[in-house]
Amino acid sequence: MPTYRADINVANDNRKRKRRTITLIILAVLSGLIAFGYFQTRYYLMNDLPSLPDKRTMWQLNLQPNMTLLDNQGREIGHRGPYIGKPMKLGQMPSYVGDAFLAIEDERFYEHAGVDNKAILRALFENTRAGEKTQGGSTLTQQLVKNIVLSPEKSYRRKFQEAVLARDMEAVLSKPEILELYINRIPMGPRVFGVEAAAQRYFGKSAADINLAEAALLAGLPQAPSRYNPTEHYDRAVERSRLVLQRMVVNDMITLEQQREALANPPVIAEPAEAIISEATLGYIFDMIAEEAPTLVGAGQEDLIIRTTIDVEKQKLAQAALEKILAKSGDSKKVSEGSLVSLDNQTGAILALVGGRDYNASKFNRAAQAKRQPGSSFKTFSYAAALEAGFTPATVRIDQPTTIGNWSPENYTRRYRGPMTVREALKLSINTIAAQITAEVGPSTVASLANRFGIESEMRPEYSLALGSSETTLLEMTRAYSVFANEGLLRSTHMISEIRNTAGEPLYKRRTTAGKRVYSVPYSRQMTSILQDVIETGTARGAQLGRRQAAGKTGTSQDYRDGWFIGFTAQMTTGVWLGNDDNSPMRKITGGLLPVDVWKDYMLKAHKGASYAALSAPDPNIDDDRAQTLSQFYTTMADAFVEERDMASGQGGPG
């Protein structure tokens, strides 16, 4: 018996050990599974959790690029991107503005630390009872985190991260700072962010000046900005504002009397302000500025307010002048496109720029992007180089059949006038003499001078460069001509004078410069005098501006593919180009015809009210004895030739 009982005890002990072992194994497995599940869940919830940025960075997070243009007087003329208001401090607005947002979005804002457990439980109970989501448990801080830090993903993972970051934010920012950040960054309508932008957009006033009813309407927008957009769903927006006012009364933020007054005087939505200038008229300029501005302020700056050099009235005049001529003669003369650039001589500022007839039809900027042959308008630089090489306006060359290497340039009229002065050759745009002069001074010298004058396009050093065979842009040509108006100074053309962000912080300010000396004063005055002759008695007689002095040069490329006129007064330099995008010929349109018409129409109106100022073009000869002696000799001889020639020949070509 004892042996039997001993065996039973041993068996029982073995079973107990096995059970303990199995239990331990099960517990170990369960613990492992729990640990694995914990770490997996933690990894899922915490993976890619962004760190909370510093205070300054929070104001910039998730800002969509936006740009506002101001004209040279500081008036808003264009906007692209969302509307983001100037940041407003709580102390800059009536106290009921902040209270309205708290009443409808987070009544217990000052009682929680970023996550409101009571609100979550209440929302869970109400949603369960209703069978659908009728309430949300997110705090104002959580909503802020969702909008400026996290992605718009809707999941439990994102909600968990939202709660974590909300607690972190509450540890970094004070309650007033969180509320300020919220009301300045929260969406309040389609592409409208922040209370200041919303107040300006809907009421035409600053958030500092809105009344209680208006504040309640704005506070009701963040829940569903599109659904409650007051410009499209006014009744919905007002109905929700009533709920805001009710919650403000419940929370002792306003009195019943204030509520009744607000309900009796619902907000009035302001009519959108009429644009100073149409987007189509401004389009080419906006594209150029949008490309340049980021290079001036650096990366990371996406909310920009840019003060430009554009004169709105002149911009309108430029667009109207181009359209007027093209509408009148475009079809009959087979010319479909054009461009215009107008510069302030004293600063190099672009006052007006038209890149084409219709921005909405074509975004291609013919003023700054289209490289076309400038034709005879380029001759000016050959003659400018010749003066530096020792020529004078009275230097005589012979207009006759000319061959230079394998090239035989011909005049527009296919006729030749014989001996004539440099002054008269440029005035009448004689091809043979321009070619001879270019060959004498060297095409590379002419190309170098053109580059020195601000033409950045490649100038091929060929003999045909004299007649404008190398392509360039209207903007470059206009800038180069302004050198003569500025007595040899090259001023950098620009459209941006100042850049700030929506907070008003300066990001860029253009420095005033004196210009770069690229040509001597005496030679510049001589060239101005000759170019003045082009308008008074030469190929651009149609460009005369009454008693106001002007100078310029026409240009026509081969087969009438391009028509140019670039001219200047003491105040501004303006260039005009006409042609077709497909490079097809116009119907015998030269620079002295339609381009001059556009230029004159614009310049007469652009100078209205401007004081009279004479061009810097005194005696065209350099004041030294040798030059005076040579000039007198050549002038006497040339006058005799001209008198004899004029008896037997007609007018020169139009250039």
Foldseek 3Di string as FASTA:
>chain_A
DVVVVVVVVVVVVVVVVVVVVVVVVVVVVVVVVVVVVVVVVCCLLCPPLDDDDALVVLLQFPDAFKEWEAEQVGHTFDIDFFAAFAQDACVLAPVLLLVLLCLVAPVCLVPDLQFDPVLCVVQVVVCVVVVHRDDDRGHLLLVSCCQGPHDVDDDPSSVSSSSVVSNVVSVRDPSSSSSSSSQRAADQAVSYGHPQSVCCQWPVDGNRPDDNLVSLLSSQCRVPNHCLVCVVCVVSSSVSSLVSLVSCCVSVNDDPVSSVVSNVPHGDTDDDDDRLDDCFLCVLVVVVCVVCVCVQQDPSARFKYFYWHEDSVLSVLLLVLVLVLCVVCVVVFVFAWKKKWKAFLQALETHYIDQINTCVVPVGRQQAPDWDQQFQQLLLLLVLLLVVVPAAQLDKDFFDFDDDPNDTDAFPVNDTQTIAGNLVCQLAVRPVVSLVSCVVSFLVSSQVLLVLLQFPFHQPRDSCVSRRPGIGHNSSSLQSLSCLLNQQFRHHYTTTAFMDGSNRHTRDGDDGDRGDRSHHNLSSLLSQVSQQSSCVPGLQVVLDQPPAGKGWHWGADPLQQKTKIWMDGNTMTMIMMIHDPVSDHTRPDHNNPSRSSSNNSSVNVVCVPPDGDHGSHDDSFDPDDVRVVVSVVSNVVNVVSNVVSVVPDDGGDSD
